Amino acid sequence: MSDLPKIHDDDSLRAWLETRPPEDAVIIAHRVAMRVTPIWCAEMGEGWARQSELTAILIARLNLTSGVACKYPTPEVTRAADSAFVAAFAANAADSAFSAANAADSAFSAANAADSAFSAANAADSDSAFAAAARSAAAARSAAADSARFAAAANAARAAFWTQIEQDAHAVLAETDLLAAPLWQQENPLAQIWQTAQPVLRESPGGAFWIDWYQRTLDGRPQNWPLLRDVALIDNALWDEGGEALDREIKRLVATHRSGDGTALSRASPVDFDFDEHLQQMQIVGFAEDVAHLDDPAAVAAFSADAEELQEGLQDFLDFAADAGRSSNQAFRSALAAEKLLKELGRCNDAESIRARRLIMLGKTFADMALDDHERARLGEALTNMMDSQVSLLRTIYRKHLALALERLRPLMTLELGEQDPDELLAAAEKLAEMLENADNRELARLSPEARAVIEDFVDELRQQRGALGDASSPEREAALSKRFAEAYGAVAVAYGRLLEKGKPHVERASEGVDWVIRQYKRWDSLDKIADTIKDCSCY
């Protein structure tokens, strides 16, 4: 515990941030701004704010977009954040006109916190990011501590503010996903203000959306990040117009995401399929929406440069691992995983050929090896350091370029093996894979050679996961591998379901059994339900 930072004021926060990468300053700044968002929203119901035509969603929009930028640091999201900042800054320029009112001081401090959080995310260098994050913290503390309308809340917030920032810093060091963590680890000192803010937000365009978004953030509950991204990307003209037009657009987006076909888990397939009419077979493809942000030459060039660096590093690792394997007469699981990842990277010649989710799943398998004490001992220090370096670069690529695909795969991470027998699960998956590979366009769509190879890879990866689970060196490692097996099994099963769904229109006659499997797959929300379906259909 003695190595954990002690943060109690602006200087100690700045000193700690200077030891960290800029993205840590961005997330800390975003969270402190989010904590005081209700102060701005609550004050927007007052006469002085209405008279000045200020709105609650002015700062809510900026904070939402800043959060989306943390999740998806893409050019289009950055442009959306720029627009939100310009709108918020124009409103914040009115601060001096209301400086005599304590309520207004508190509200504009909350706005300054959001502005500074944006500045941290868009800083040209690390020092600027650190300074902006510190300004955001200072402004947020002023907002939380100086509210005249809510004196009791202000006193409680004053005591809790720096403690919460310190806890966030500790969470960063523990590699916790702060975008999925509650805003307050203890009791929310601004709960009363949040209750006052909700009726104001409810009157805003898309009111229910904003309340749900903030409450989920407050509680640390899962967000629908693709929805938040689409809201952030609403055309600036609509934001400026506001009113019914903006309300309709936000509600349309909410309805679109809620009416998505099937459960979130059923939409987490690692690959997609298209039917080639000429060859009369199903082809493996990626999901276009996962790489839609790679729509300009600069974005593609940035991805290509990072991918090329990773390819070179993986090839070096494979070459040295091969030499070590020959001298010790042993094969390395990590080398096999790296080889598959390298092969998939090799086909990413342009945005259309990137199978983002497949890349992520293969990367997860490779990254798992870096956590395996037995594999690390077999590799030795030099090879282990090489592997760790490539895993670090891999995670950077995912965060920078493939964040949307990563989010869409997140439902797989909720799966638990529970009481399921991994050997029974594997046998059922093997049987179904055999059925799919032998399809002839009568009841099941025929697979292209590459699609068959990928299905075989899926099953082979499950076998490796099962083998690793059996070789677990400790209860803790066994628990981690059990979780990973459940995730990998879910990915394979959802890919099977997606294949049946996309192939059904192209077969001579789809059986009732195929229809039943598709219906069940659309309802999957746990590994138990997946297992029941896969075991049943593998008996046909």
Foldseek 3Di string as FASTA:
>chain_A
DVPAQDWDALVSLLVVLVVDDLLLLLVLLLLLLLLLLLLLLLCCVDPVNVVVVHASCLLVLLSLLSLLCQLAVFPLSLVLNVLSLVSLVVVLVCLVVPVVDLSSLLNSLSSLSSNLSNQLSVPPDRSSNSVSSSSSLVSSLCSLQRHPVCNQLNVVCNVCSRVLSSVSSVCVVVVHPLQLAASGPDDSSCVVSNVSSLVRLCPFQLSVVSNVVSVNNNHSHDDPSVLSSVLSNPDSVCVVVTDPSSSVVNVVSVVVVVPPQFDLLLQLALWFWAADPVVQFIDTFADLVQQVSCPDPVLFVVLLVLLVVLLVLLVVLLVVQVVLCVVVVHHAPLNVLSVVLSVLSVQPPDSRRRSLSNNVLSLVSNVLLLVAPVRDVSCDDVSSVSSVVSNVSSVVSCSHGRSVSVVSLVLLLPEACPPPDLVLLLVLLVLVLVVQQPDDQAQAGHHDPVRNVVSVVLSVVLVVLVVCLVVHPDPVSNRVSRSSSSSSSSNSLSNSLSRLVNGRVRGNHHDVLSVVLNVQSSHDRYSVSSSVSSSVSSVD
